[in-house]
Amino acid sequence: MITNSHITQDPLPPAPGKSPATGFGLGRPWRAYSRVIVMNTELPESLNPAGWSVWGRNDPAPLAYYAQYNNNGPGWRPTEVAPWSHILTAKEAAMFEPKVFLAGTDHWNPIAEAAKLP
C-alpha cells in the first residue's frame, strides 16, 4: 500500500538496443493474487495512464487486486486506468487506511510509529 505520498520518476537510460521508456506503471502482478493500493498520493505526468501493467502476459484481467483512491497530480487520470483495476469509493478505501489495515490485537499504532521515522 502506498498512501499520502508523492511519486516521482527519474528516467532510466534505455537498455542497449532498446528505445527509451515513455512512462512507467504503478505495478504489475507477479502472482495471481497480489494486491496494491495507491491512495491520497500525487502522481507524476510520466505515469502511464493505465496505471498498471499485465507485464506482457496474455491475461487481460489478472486476478490481482490493484486499486487507487483520491490521488491527484497530472498523472491521476481515473477514466483511463486499466479496465481490470479498481477506483475505490471512500467506504472501500477506509478499510485500507493504515490504522485499520494494520490493526491487530497487540495495540500497535502504525501512524504513531511512522511519525517517529526520519
PDB file of N, CA and C in Angstrom:
ATOM      1  N   MET A   1       0.827  -1.155   0.000  1.00  0.00           N
ATOM      2  CA  MET A   1       0.000   0.000   0.000  1.00  0.00           C
ATOM      3  C   MET A   1       0.886   1.238   0.000  1.00  0.00           C
ATOM      4  N   ILE A   2       0.497   2.184  -0.816  1.00  0.00           N
ATOM      5  CA  ILE A   2       1.157   3.488  -0.837  1.00  0.00           C
ATOM      6  C   ILE A   2       0.077   4.499  -0.497  1.00  0.00           C
ATOM      7  N   THR A   3       0.315   5.310   0.530  1.00  0.00           N
ATOM      8  CA  THR A   3      -0.674   6.309   0.915  1.00  0.00           C
ATOM      9  C   THR A   3       0.001   7.594   1.356  1.00  0.00           C
ATOM     10  N   ASN A   4      -0.674   8.701   1.082  1.00  0.00           N
ATOM     11  CA  ASN A   4      -0.193  10.029   1.475  1.00  0.00           C
ATOM     12  C   ASN A   4       1.248  10.258   1.020  1.00  0.00           C
ATOM     13  N   SER A   5       1.491  10.011  -0.259  1.00  0.00           N
ATOM     14  CA  SER A   5       2.854  10.082  -0.792  1.00  0.00           C
ATOM     15  C   SER A   5       2.928  10.968  -2.034  1.00  0.00           C
ATOM     16  N   HIS A   6       4.140  11.113  -2.512  1.00  0.00           N
ATOM     17  CA  HIS A   6       4.418  11.861  -3.739  1.00  0.00           C
ATOM     18  C   HIS A   6       5.341  10.976  -4.567  1.00  0.00           C
ATOM     19  N   ILE A   7       4.850  10.461  -5.682  1.00  0.00           N
ATOM     20  CA  ILE A   7       5.647   9.570  -6.529  1.00  0.00           C
ATOM     21  C   ILE A   7       6.358  10.393  -7.595  1.00  0.00           C
ATOM     22  N   THR A   8       7.643  10.122  -7.773  1.00  0.00           N
ATOM     23  CA  THR A   8       8.429  10.793  -8.803  1.00  0.00           C
ATOM     24  C   THR A   8       9.095   9.738  -9.677  1.00  0.00           C
ATOM     25  N   GLN A   9       9.629  10.185 -10.806  1.00  0.00           N
ATOM     26  CA  GLN A   9      10.351   9.274 -11.681  1.00  0.00           C
ATOM     27  C   GLN A   9      11.592   9.951 -12.212  1.00  0.00           C
ATOM     28  N   ASP A  10      12.715   9.275 -12.075  1.00  0.00           N
ATOM     29  CA  ASP A  10      13.940   9.677 -12.735  1.00  0.00           C
ATOM     30  C   ASP A  10      14.092   8.766 -13.935  1.00  0.00           C
ATOM     31  N   PRO A  11      14.154   9.332 -15.137  1.00  0.00           N
ATOM     32  CA  PRO A  11      14.259   8.471 -16.321  1.00  0.00           C
ATOM     33  C   PRO A  11      15.494   7.570 -16.259  1.00  0.00           C
ATOM     34  N   LEU A  12      15.293   6.322 -16.605  1.00  0.00           N
ATOM     35  CA  LEU A  12      16.401   5.370 -16.673  1.00  0.00           C
ATOM     36  C   LEU A  12      16.949   5.345 -18.086  1.00  0.00           C
ATOM     37  N   PRO A  13      18.244   5.177 -18.237  1.00  0.00           N
ATOM     38  CA  PRO A  13      18.772   5.050 -19.593  1.00  0.00           C
ATOM     39  C   PRO A  13      18.239   3.767 -20.227  1.00  0.00           C
ATOM     40  N   PRO A  14      17.971   3.787 -21.536  1.00  0.00           N
ATOM     41  CA  PRO A  14      17.447   2.575 -22.173  1.00  0.00           C
ATOM     42  C   PRO A  14      18.476   1.453 -22.171  1.00  0.00           C
ATOM     43  N   ALA A  15      17.988   0.233 -22.154  1.00  0.00           N
ATOM     44  CA  ALA A  15      18.864  -0.933 -22.288  1.00  0.00           C
ATOM     45  C   ALA A  15      19.483  -0.907 -23.674  1.00  0.00           C
ATOM     46  N   PRO A  16      20.647  -1.494 -23.848  1.00  0.00           N
ATOM     47  CA  PRO A  16      21.283  -1.496 -25.167  1.00  0.00           C
ATOM     48  C   PRO A  16      20.331  -2.027 -26.238  1.00  0.00           C
ATOM     49  N   GLY A  17      20.185  -1.254 -27.298  1.00  0.00           N
ATOM     50  CA  GLY A  17      19.344  -1.660 -28.409  1.00  0.00           C
ATOM     51  C   GLY A  17      17.863  -1.409 -28.211  1.00  0.00           C
ATOM     52  N   LYS A  18      17.486  -0.789 -27.102  1.00  0.00           N
ATOM     53  CA  LYS A  18      16.072  -0.530 -26.805  1.00  0.00           C
ATOM     54  C   LYS A  18      15.789   0.971 -26.893  1.00  0.00           C
ATOM     55  N   SER A  19      14.534   1.300 -27.128  1.00  0.00           N
ATOM     56  CA  SER A  19      14.094   2.696 -27.127  1.00  0.00           C
ATOM     57  C   SER A  19      13.908   3.159 -25.685  1.00  0.00           C
ATOM     58  N   PRO A  20      14.045   4.470 -25.451  1.00  0.00           N
ATOM     59  CA  PRO A  20      13.800   4.959 -24.090  1.00  0.00           C
ATOM     60  C   PRO A  20      12.356   4.702 -23.677  1.00  0.00           C
ATOM     61  N   ALA A  21      12.148   4.451 -22.411  1.00  0.00           N
ATOM     62  CA  ALA A  21      10.802   4.228 -21.893  1.00  0.00           C
ATOM     63  C   ALA A  21      10.009   5.528 -21.976  1.00  0.00           C
ATOM     64  N   THR A  22       8.728   5.425 -22.260  1.00  0.00           N
ATOM     65  CA  THR A  22       7.883   6.615 -22.385  1.00  0.00           C
ATOM     66  C   THR A  22       7.019   6.848 -21.160  1.00  0.00           C
ATOM     67  N   GLY A  23       7.090   6.014 -20.179  1.00  0.00           N
ATOM     68  CA  GLY A  23       6.311   6.168 -18.961  1.00  0.00           C
ATOM     69  C   GLY A  23       6.555   4.991 -18.049  1.00  0.00           C
ATOM     70  N   PHE A  24       5.886   4.979 -16.961  1.00  0.00           N
ATOM     71  CA  PHE A  24       6.029   3.857 -16.024  1.00  0.00           C
ATOM     72  C   PHE A  24       4.676   3.560 -15.421  1.00  0.00           C
ATOM     73  N   GLY A  25       4.560   2.397 -14.808  1.00  0.00           N
ATOM     74  CA  GLY A  25       3.316   1.993 -14.165  1.00  0.00           C
ATOM     75  C   GLY A  25       3.482   1.924 -12.664  1.00  0.00           C
ATOM     76  N   LEU A  26       2.379   1.841 -11.967  1.00  0.00           N
ATOM     77  CA  LEU A  26       2.395   1.722 -10.512  1.00  0.00           C
ATOM     78  C   LEU A  26       2.724   0.306 -10.063  1.00  0.00           C
ATOM     79  N   GLY A  27       2.475  -0.668 -10.919  1.00  0.00           N
ATOM     80  CA  GLY A  27       2.761  -2.042 -10.556  1.00  0.00           C
ATOM     81  C   GLY A  27       2.323  -3.001 -11.638  1.00  0.00           C
ATOM     82  N   ARG A  28       2.778  -4.241 -11.494  1.00  0.00           N
ATOM     83  CA  ARG A  28       2.383  -5.320 -12.397  1.00  0.00           C
ATOM     84  C   ARG A  28       2.400  -6.613 -11.599  1.00  0.00           C
ATOM     85  N   PRO A  29       1.358  -7.404 -11.754  1.00  0.00           N
ATOM     86  CA  PRO A  29       1.242  -8.600 -10.916  1.00  0.00           C
ATOM     87  C   PRO A  29       2.286  -9.663 -11.222  1.00  0.00           C
ATOM     88  N   TRP A  30       2.993 -10.078 -10.194  1.00  0.00           N
ATOM     89  CA  TRP A  30       3.911 -11.215 -10.292  1.00  0.00           C
ATOM     90  C   TRP A  30       3.173 -12.500 -10.036  1.00  0.00           C
ATOM     91  N   ARG A  31       2.222 -12.439  -9.149  1.00  0.00           N
ATOM     92  CA  ARG A  31       1.479 -13.616  -8.748  1.00  0.00           C
ATOM     93  C   ARG A  31      -0.021 -13.347  -8.919  1.00  0.00           C
ATOM     94  N   ALA A  32      -0.784 -14.396  -8.952  1.00  0.00           N
ATOM     95  CA  ALA A  32      -2.215 -14.281  -9.243  1.00  0.00           C
ATOM     96  C   ALA A  32      -2.962 -13.377  -8.271  1.00  0.00           C
ATOM     97  N   TYR A  33      -2.646 -13.418  -6.996  1.00  0.00           N
ATOM     98  CA  TYR A  33      -3.458 -12.698  -6.023  1.00  0.00           C
ATOM     99  C   TYR A  33      -2.717 -11.559  -5.328  1.00  0.00           C
ATOM    100  N   SER A  34      -1.788 -10.931  -6.028  1.00  0.00           N
ATOM    101  CA  SER A  34      -1.098  -9.795  -5.422  1.00  0.00           C
ATOM    102  C   SER A  34      -2.091  -8.641  -5.246  1.00  0.00           C
ATOM    103  N   ARG A  35      -1.762  -7.724  -4.349  1.00  0.00           N
ATOM    104  CA  ARG A  35      -2.654  -6.602  -4.057  1.00  0.00           C
ATOM    105  C   ARG A  35      -1.826  -5.346  -3.827  1.00  0.00           C
ATOM    106  N   VAL A  36      -2.186  -4.274  -4.537  1.00  0.00           N
ATOM    107  CA  VAL A  36      -1.539  -2.986  -4.360  1.00  0.00           C
ATOM    108  C   VAL A  36      -2.622  -1.912  -4.346  1.00  0.00           C
ATOM    109  N   ILE A  37      -2.537  -1.023  -3.380  1.00  0.00           N
ATOM    110  CA  ILE A  37      -3.464   0.088  -3.267  1.00  0.00           C
ATOM    111  C   ILE A  37      -2.632   1.364  -3.229  1.00  0.00           C
ATOM    112  N   VAL A  38      -2.984   2.341  -4.054  1.00  0.00           N
ATOM    113  CA  VAL A  38      -2.330   3.650  -4.042  1.00  0.00           C
ATOM    114  C   VAL A  38      -3.426   4.668  -3.768  1.00  0.00           C
ATOM    115  N   MET A  39      -3.275   5.410  -2.662  1.00  0.00           N
ATOM    116  CA  MET A  39      -4.320   6.372  -2.318  1.00  0.00           C
ATOM    117  C   MET A  39      -3.755   7.639  -1.697  1.00  0.00           C
ATOM    118  N   ASN A  40      -4.482   8.733  -1.934  1.00  0.00           N
ATOM    119  CA  ASN A  40      -4.094  10.041  -1.400  1.00  0.00           C
ATOM    120  C   ASN A  40      -2.654  10.384  -1.783  1.00  0.00           C
ATOM    121  N   THR A  41      -2.305  10.102  -3.022  1.00  0.00           N
ATOM    122  CA  THR A  41      -0.922  10.239  -3.482  1.00  0.00           C
ATOM    123  C   THR A  41      -0.852  11.089  -4.746  1.00  0.00           C
ATOM    124  N   GLU A  42       0.180  11.923  -4.833  1.00  0.00           N
ATOM    125  CA  GLU A  42       0.401  12.745  -6.024  1.00  0.00           C
ATOM    126  C   GLU A  42       1.145  11.914  -7.071  1.00  0.00           C
ATOM    127  N   LEU A  43       0.589  11.870  -8.275  1.00  0.00           N
ATOM    128  CA  LEU A  43       1.147  11.060  -9.353  1.00  0.00           C
ATOM    129  C   LEU A  43       1.712  11.952 -10.453  1.00  0.00           C
ATOM    130  N   PRO A  44       2.895  11.628 -10.975  1.00  0.00           N
ATOM    131  CA  PRO A  44       3.533  12.469 -11.987  1.00  0.00           C
ATOM    132  C   PRO A  44       2.943  12.264 -13.383  1.00  0.00           C
ATOM    133  N   GLU A  45       3.151  13.235 -14.223  1.00  0.00           N
ATOM    134  CA  GLU A  45       2.646  13.183 -15.599  1.00  0.00           C
ATOM    135  C   GLU A  45       3.203  11.992 -16.368  1.00  0.00           C
ATOM    136  N   SER A  46       4.401  11.554 -16.031  1.00  0.00           N
ATOM    137  CA  SER A  46       5.040  10.450 -16.754  1.00  0.00           C
ATOM    138  C   SER A  46       4.431   9.088 -16.444  1.00  0.00           C
ATOM    139  N   LEU A  47       3.465   9.024 -15.522  1.00  0.00           N
ATOM    140  CA  LEU A  47       2.800   7.761 -15.225  1.00  0.00           C
ATOM    141  C   LEU A  47       1.972   7.325 -16.425  1.00  0.00           C
ATOM    142  N   ASN A  48       2.093   6.067 -16.798  1.00  0.00           N
ATOM    143  CA  ASN A  48       1.260   5.506 -17.862  1.00  0.00           C
ATOM    144  C   ASN A  48      -0.195   5.667 -17.433  1.00  0.00           C
ATOM    145  N   PRO A  49      -1.071   6.202 -18.304  1.00  0.00           N
ATOM    146  CA  PRO A  49      -2.461   6.431 -17.902  1.00  0.00           C
ATOM    147  C   PRO A  49      -3.185   5.181 -17.393  1.00  0.00           C
ATOM    148  N   ALA A  50      -2.830   4.000 -17.872  1.00  0.00           N
ATOM    149  CA  ALA A  50      -3.466   2.765 -17.396  1.00  0.00           C
ATOM    150  C   ALA A  50      -3.131   2.513 -15.931  1.00  0.00           C
ATOM    151  N   GLY A  51      -2.017   3.044 -15.461  1.00  0.00           N
ATOM    152  CA  GLY A  51      -1.610   2.884 -14.066  1.00  0.00           C
ATOM    153  C   GLY A  51      -0.927   1.561 -13.774  1.00  0.00           C
ATOM    154  N   TRP A  52      -1.453   0.490 -14.331  1.00  0.00           N
ATOM    155  CA  TRP A  52      -0.976  -0.860 -14.027  1.00  0.00           C
ATOM    156  C   TRP A  52      -0.677  -1.596 -15.321  1.00  0.00           C
ATOM    157  N   SER A  53       0.160  -2.594 -15.239  1.00  0.00           N
ATOM    158  CA  SER A  53       0.547  -3.376 -16.411  1.00  0.00           C
ATOM    159  C   SER A  53       0.333  -4.857 -16.130  1.00  0.00           C
ATOM    160  N   VAL A  54       0.035  -5.623 -17.175  1.00  0.00           N
ATOM    161  CA  VAL A  54      -0.070  -7.075 -17.010  1.00  0.00           C
ATOM    162  C   VAL A  54       1.266  -7.745 -17.322  1.00  0.00           C
ATOM    163  N   TRP A  55       2.292  -6.958 -17.504  1.00  0.00           N
ATOM    164  CA  TRP A  55       3.652  -7.432 -17.677  1.00  0.00           C
ATOM    165  C   TRP A  55       3.826  -8.291 -18.932  1.00  0.00           C
ATOM    166  N   GLY A  56       3.067  -7.949 -19.970  1.00  0.00           N
ATOM    167  CA  GLY A  56       3.224  -8.630 -21.244  1.00  0.00           C
ATOM    168  C   GLY A  56       2.602 -10.006 -21.307  1.00  0.00           C
ATOM    169  N   ARG A  57       1.936 -10.415 -20.240  1.00  0.00           N
ATOM    170  CA  ARG A  57       1.287 -11.723 -20.254  1.00  0.00           C
ATOM    171  C   ARG A  57      -0.021 -11.627 -21.018  1.00  0.00           C
ATOM    172  N   ASN A  58      -0.553 -12.755 -21.414  1.00  0.00           N
ATOM    173  CA  ASN A  58      -1.759 -12.773 -22.223  1.00  0.00           C
ATOM    174  C   ASN A  58      -3.051 -12.624 -21.422  1.00  0.00           C
ATOM    175  N   ASP A  59      -2.979 -12.589 -20.114  1.00  0.00           N
ATOM    176  CA  ASP A  59      -4.163 -12.493 -19.283  1.00  0.00           C
ATOM    177  C   ASP A  59      -4.661 -11.043 -19.258  1.00  0.00           C
ATOM    178  N   PRO A  60      -5.761 -10.715 -19.930  1.00  0.00           N
ATOM    179  CA  PRO A  60      -6.225  -9.328 -19.968  1.00  0.00           C
ATOM    180  C   PRO A  60      -6.844  -8.858 -18.654  1.00  0.00           C
ATOM    181  N   ALA A  61      -7.205  -9.765 -17.778  1.00  0.00           N
ATOM    182  CA  ALA A  61      -7.806  -9.401 -16.490  1.00  0.00           C
ATOM    183  C   ALA A  61      -7.204 -10.256 -15.385  1.00  0.00           C
ATOM    184  N   PRO A  62      -6.032  -9.891 -14.882  1.00  0.00           N
ATOM    185  CA  PRO A  62      -5.389 -10.694 -13.847  1.00  0.00           C
ATOM    186  C   PRO A  62      -6.239 -10.797 -12.580  1.00  0.00           C
ATOM    187  N   LEU A  63      -5.964 -11.801 -11.779  1.00  0.00           N
ATOM    188  CA  LEU A  63      -6.667 -11.996 -10.517  1.00  0.00           C
ATOM    189  C   LEU A  63      -6.162 -11.042  -9.427  1.00  0.00           C
ATOM    190  N   ALA A  64      -5.093 -10.327  -9.713  1.00  0.00           N
ATOM    191  CA  ALA A  64      -4.545  -9.372  -8.761  1.00  0.00           C
ATOM    192  C   ALA A  64      -5.565  -8.272  -8.480  1.00  0.00           C
ATOM    193  N   TYR A  65      -5.449  -7.654  -7.310  1.00  0.00           N
ATOM    194  CA  TYR A  65      -6.340  -6.562  -6.932  1.00  0.00           C
ATOM    195  C   TYR A  65      -5.507  -5.294  -6.851  1.00  0.00           C
ATOM    196  N   TYR A  66      -5.601  -4.463  -7.857  1.00  0.00           N
ATOM    197  CA  TYR A  66      -4.856  -3.213  -7.909  1.00  0.00           C
ATOM    198  C   TYR A  66      -5.859  -2.073  -7.939  1.00  0.00           C
ATOM    199  N   ALA A  67      -5.699  -1.103  -7.041  1.00  0.00           N
ATOM    200  CA  ALA A  67      -6.708  -0.061  -6.900  1.00  0.00           C
ATOM    201  C   ALA A  67      -6.078   1.282  -6.566  1.00  0.00           C
ATOM    202  N   GLN A  68      -6.858   2.334  -6.828  1.00  0.00           N
ATOM    203  CA  GLN A  68      -6.463   3.694  -6.497  1.00  0.00           C
ATOM    204  C   GLN A  68      -7.646   4.404  -5.842  1.00  0.00           C
ATOM    205  N   TYR A  69      -7.297   5.431  -5.042  1.00  0.00           N
ATOM    206  CA  TYR A  69      -8.324   6.243  -4.416  1.00  0.00           C
ATOM    207  C   TYR A  69      -7.785   7.646  -4.149  1.00  0.00           C
ATOM    208  N   ASN A  70      -8.551   8.643  -4.535  1.00  0.00           N
ATOM    209  CA  ASN A  70      -8.312  10.034  -4.155  1.00  0.00           C
ATOM    210  C   ASN A  70      -6.891  10.510  -4.427  1.00  0.00           C
ATOM    211  N   ASN A  71      -6.309  10.058  -5.525  1.00  0.00           N
ATOM    212  CA  ASN A  71      -4.985  10.543  -5.892  1.00  0.00           C
ATOM    213  C   ASN A  71      -5.124  11.907  -6.559  1.00  0.00           C
ATOM    214  N   ASN A  72      -3.999  12.535  -6.860  1.00  0.00           N
ATOM    215  CA  ASN A  72      -4.020  13.838  -7.514  1.00  0.00           C
ATOM    216  C   ASN A  72      -2.765  14.006  -8.346  1.00  0.00           C
ATOM    217  N   GLY A  73      -2.603  15.146  -8.961  1.00  0.00           N
ATOM    218  CA  GLY A  73      -1.451  15.424  -9.803  1.00  0.00           C
ATOM    219  C   GLY A  73      -1.745  15.111 -11.264  1.00  0.00           C
ATOM    220  N   PRO A  74      -0.823  15.485 -12.151  1.00  0.00           N
ATOM    221  CA  PRO A  74      -1.056  15.306 -13.589  1.00  0.00           C
ATOM    222  C   PRO A  74      -1.139  13.854 -14.034  1.00  0.00           C
ATOM    223  N   GLY A  75      -0.654  12.924 -13.244  1.00  0.00           N
ATOM    224  CA  GLY A  75      -0.735  11.511 -13.600  1.00  0.00           C
ATOM    225  C   GLY A  75      -2.007  10.826 -13.122  1.00  0.00           C
ATOM    226  N   TRP A  76      -2.844  11.553 -12.394  1.00  0.00           N
ATOM    227  CA  TRP A  76      -4.097  10.971 -11.892  1.00  0.00           C
ATOM    228  C   TRP A  76      -5.159  11.148 -12.965  1.00  0.00           C
ATOM    229  N   ARG A  77      -5.389  10.054 -13.709  1.00  0.00           N
ATOM    230  CA  ARG A  77      -6.369  10.046 -14.798  1.00  0.00           C
ATOM    231  C   ARG A  77      -7.295   8.845 -14.594  1.00  0.00           C
ATOM    232  N   PRO A  78      -8.225   8.950 -13.640  1.00  0.00           N
ATOM    233  CA  PRO A  78      -9.041   7.792 -13.262  1.00  0.00           C
ATOM    234  C   PRO A  78      -9.901   7.230 -14.390  1.00  0.00           C
ATOM    235  N   THR A  79     -10.205   8.013 -15.399  1.00  0.00           N
ATOM    236  CA  THR A  79     -11.022   7.493 -16.506  1.00  0.00           C
ATOM    237  C   THR A  79     -10.205   6.660 -17.486  1.00  0.00           C
ATOM    238  N   GLU A  80      -8.878   6.632 -17.301  1.00  0.00           N
ATOM    239  CA  GLU A  80      -8.013   5.913 -18.239  1.00  0.00           C
ATOM    240  C   GLU A  80      -7.310   4.701 -17.634  1.00  0.00           C
ATOM    241  N   VAL A  81      -7.630   4.340 -16.406  1.00  0.00           N
ATOM    242  CA  VAL A  81      -6.927   3.228 -15.757  1.00  0.00           C
ATOM    243  C   VAL A  81      -7.267   1.895 -16.418  1.00  0.00           C
ATOM    244  N   ALA A  82      -6.416   0.919 -16.178  1.00  0.00           N
ATOM    245  CA  ALA A  82      -6.624  -0.427 -16.724  1.00  0.00           C
ATOM    246  C   ALA A  82      -8.026  -0.906 -16.347  1.00  0.00           C
ATOM    247  N   PRO A  83      -8.742  -1.500 -17.285  1.00  0.00           N
ATOM    248  CA  PRO A  83     -10.123  -1.902 -17.004  1.00  0.00           C
ATOM    249  C   PRO A  83     -10.262  -2.954 -15.905  1.00  0.00           C
ATOM    250  N   TRP A  84      -9.225  -3.695 -15.611  1.00  0.00           N
ATOM    251  CA  TRP A  84      -9.282  -4.717 -14.560  1.00  0.00           C
ATOM    252  C   TRP A  84      -8.901  -4.171 -13.193  1.00  0.00           C
ATOM    253  N   SER A  85      -8.453  -2.909 -13.137  1.00  0.00           N
ATOM    254  CA  SER A  85      -8.109  -2.310 -11.846  1.00  0.00           C
ATOM    255  C   SER A  85      -9.349  -1.641 -11.254  1.00  0.00           C
ATOM    256  N   HIS A  86      -9.200  -1.084 -10.067  1.00  0.00           N
ATOM    257  CA  HIS A  86     -10.342  -0.536  -9.344  1.00  0.00           C
ATOM    258  C   HIS A  86     -10.094   0.911  -8.933  1.00  0.00           C
ATOM    259  N   ILE A  87     -11.147   1.710  -8.981  1.00  0.00           N
ATOM    260  CA  ILE A  87     -11.167   3.029  -8.369  1.00  0.00           C
ATOM    261  C   ILE A  87     -12.086   2.877  -7.156  1.00  0.00           C
ATOM    262  N   LEU A  88     -11.515   3.060  -5.980  1.00  0.00           N
ATOM    263  CA  LEU A  88     -12.253   2.805  -4.749  1.00  0.00           C
ATOM    264  C   LEU A  88     -13.179   3.957  -4.367  1.00  0.00           C
ATOM    265  N   THR A  89     -14.256   3.627  -3.707  1.00  0.00           N
ATOM    266  CA  THR A  89     -15.104   4.625  -3.069  1.00  0.00           C
ATOM    267  C   THR A  89     -14.473   4.968  -1.722  1.00  0.00           C
ATOM    268  N   ALA A  90     -14.963   6.011  -1.086  1.00  0.00           N
ATOM    269  CA  ALA A  90     -14.441   6.369   0.239  1.00  0.00           C
ATOM    270  C   ALA A  90     -14.639   5.231   1.234  1.00  0.00           C
ATOM    271  N   LYS A  91     -15.785   4.575   1.162  1.00  0.00           N
ATOM    272  CA  LYS A  91     -16.057   3.471   2.085  1.00  0.00           C
ATOM    273  C   LYS A  91     -15.100   2.304   1.834  1.00  0.00           C
ATOM    274  N   GLU A  92     -14.852   1.977   0.566  1.00  0.00           N
ATOM    275  CA  GLU A  92     -13.916   0.891   0.239  1.00  0.00           C
ATOM    276  C   GLU A  92     -12.496   1.249   0.661  1.00  0.00           C
ATOM    277  N   ALA A  93     -12.094   2.495   0.440  1.00  0.00           N
ATOM    278  CA  ALA A  93     -10.738   2.933   0.777  1.00  0.00           C
ATOM    279  C   ALA A  93     -10.497   2.939   2.282  1.00  0.00           C
ATOM    280  N   ALA A  94     -11.538   3.173   3.061  1.00  0.00           N
ATOM    281  CA  ALA A  94     -11.378   3.255   4.518  1.00  0.00           C
ATOM    282  C   ALA A  94     -10.778   1.980   5.103  1.00  0.00           C
ATOM    283  N   MET A  95     -11.085   0.826   4.526  1.00  0.00           N
ATOM    284  CA  MET A  95     -10.543  -0.418   5.085  1.00  0.00           C
ATOM    285  C   MET A  95      -9.051  -0.588   4.784  1.00  0.00           C
ATOM    286  N   PHE A  96      -8.508   0.258   3.890  1.00  0.00           N
ATOM    287  CA  PHE A  96      -7.076   0.181   3.587  1.00  0.00           C
ATOM    288  C   PHE A  96      -6.265   1.269   4.292  1.00  0.00           C
ATOM    289  N   GLU A  97      -6.925   2.095   5.100  1.00  0.00           N
ATOM    290  CA  GLU A  97      -6.182   3.080   5.894  1.00  0.00           C
ATOM    291  C   GLU A  97      -5.246   2.309   6.825  1.00  0.00           C
ATOM    292  N   PRO A  98      -4.000   2.769   6.991  1.00  0.00           N
ATOM    293  CA  PRO A  98      -3.034   2.024   7.817  1.00  0.00           C
ATOM    294  C   PRO A  98      -3.555   1.659   9.204  1.00  0.00           C
ATOM    295  N   LYS A  99      -4.259   2.578   9.863  1.00  0.00           N
ATOM    296  CA  LYS A  99      -4.732   2.287  11.226  1.00  0.00           C
ATOM    297  C   LYS A  99      -5.741   1.147  11.248  1.00  0.00           C
ATOM    298  N   VAL A 100      -6.413   0.904  10.132  1.00  0.00           N
ATOM    299  CA  VAL A 100      -7.383  -0.190  10.040  1.00  0.00           C
ATOM    300  C   VAL A 100      -6.721  -1.441   9.471  1.00  0.00           C
ATOM    301  N   PHE A 101      -6.047  -1.274   8.344  1.00  0.00           N
ATOM    302  CA  PHE A 101      -5.454  -2.403   7.630  1.00  0.00           C
ATOM    303  C   PHE A 101      -4.379  -3.109   8.452  1.00  0.00           C
ATOM    304  N   LEU A 102      -3.638  -2.345   9.241  1.00  0.00           N
ATOM    305  CA  LEU A 102      -2.539  -2.910  10.031  1.00  0.00           C
ATOM    306  C   LEU A 102      -2.923  -3.166  11.486  1.00  0.00           C
ATOM    307  N   ALA A 103      -4.185  -2.998  11.798  1.00  0.00           N
ATOM    308  CA  ALA A 103      -4.632  -3.193  13.180  1.00  0.00           C
ATOM    309  C   ALA A 103      -4.490  -4.653  13.584  1.00  0.00           C
ATOM    310  N   GLY A 104      -4.173  -4.845  14.821  1.00  0.00           N
ATOM    311  CA  GLY A 104      -4.061  -6.192  15.376  1.00  0.00           C
ATOM    312  C   GLY A 104      -4.495  -6.173  16.820  1.00  0.00           C
ATOM    313  N   THR A 105      -4.324  -7.277  17.465  1.00  0.00           N
ATOM    314  CA  THR A 105      -4.726  -7.372  18.866  1.00  0.00           C
ATOM    315  C   THR A 105      -3.645  -6.853  19.819  1.00  0.00           C
ATOM    316  N   ASP A 106      -2.478  -6.475  19.270  1.00  0.00           N
ATOM    317  CA  ASP A 106      -1.371  -6.036  20.118  1.00  0.00           C
ATOM    318  C   ASP A 106      -1.377  -4.529  20.383  1.00  0.00           C
ATOM    319  N   HIS A 107      -2.349  -3.798  19.846  1.00  0.00           N
ATOM    320  CA  HIS A 107      -2.496  -2.359  20.048  1.00  0.00           C
ATOM    321  C   HIS A 107      -1.354  -1.548  19.437  1.00  0.00           C
ATOM    322  N   TRP A 108      -0.642  -2.122  18.478  1.00  0.00           N
ATOM    323  CA  TRP A 108       0.405  -1.391  17.763  1.00  0.00           C
ATOM    324  C   TRP A 108      -0.230  -0.266  16.975  1.00  0.00           C
ATOM    325  N   ASN A 109       0.374   0.909  16.997  1.00  0.00           N
ATOM    326  CA  ASN A 109      -0.169   2.080  16.314  1.00  0.00           C
ATOM    327  C   ASN A 109       0.745   2.439  15.135  1.00  0.00           C
ATOM    328  N   PRO A 110       0.391   2.045  13.898  1.00  0.00           N
ATOM    329  CA  PRO A 110       1.264   2.297  12.760  1.00  0.00           C
ATOM    330  C   PRO A 110       1.440   3.782  12.456  1.00  0.00           C
ATOM    331  N   ILE A 111       0.461   4.592  12.749  1.00  0.00           N
ATOM    332  CA  ILE A 111       0.557   6.031  12.497  1.00  0.00           C
ATOM    333  C   ILE A 111       1.597   6.652  13.438  1.00  0.00           C
ATOM    334  N   ALA A 112       1.535   6.315  14.701  1.00  0.00           N
ATOM    335  CA  ALA A 112       2.498   6.849  15.676  1.00  0.00           C
ATOM    336  C   ALA A 112       3.916   6.364  15.368  1.00  0.00           C
ATOM    337  N   GLU A 113       4.045   5.101  14.980  1.00  0.00           N
ATOM    338  CA  GLU A 113       5.368   4.555  14.654  1.00  0.00           C
ATOM    339  C   GLU A 113       5.939   5.222  13.412  1.00  0.00           C
ATOM    340  N   ALA A 114       5.118   5.454  12.399  1.00  0.00           N
ATOM    341  CA  ALA A 114       5.597   6.108  11.180  1.00  0.00           C
ATOM    342  C   ALA A 114       6.044   7.533  11.464  1.00  0.00           C
ATOM    343  N   ALA A 115       5.373   8.206  12.396  1.00  0.00           N
ATOM    344  CA  ALA A 115       5.738   9.584  12.750  1.00  0.00           C
ATOM    345  C   ALA A 115       7.135   9.673  13.374  1.00  0.00           C
ATOM    346  N   LYS A 116       7.626   8.585  13.904  1.00  0.00           N
ATOM    347  CA  LYS A 116       8.962   8.563  14.519  1.00  0.00           C
ATOM    348  C   LYS A 116      10.082   8.398  13.511  1.00  0.00           C
ATOM    349  N   LEU A 117       9.729   8.033  12.277  1.00  0.00           N
ATOM    350  CA  LEU A 117      10.760   7.793  11.256  1.00  0.00           C
ATOM    351  C   LEU A 117      11.391   9.104  10.794  1.00  0.00           C
ATOM    352  N   PRO A 118      12.657   9.053  10.413  1.00  0.00           N
ATOM    353  CA  PRO A 118      13.316  10.285   9.949  1.00  0.00           C
ATOM    354  C   PRO A 118      12.736  10.775   8.644  1.00  0.00           C
TER     355      PRO A 118
END
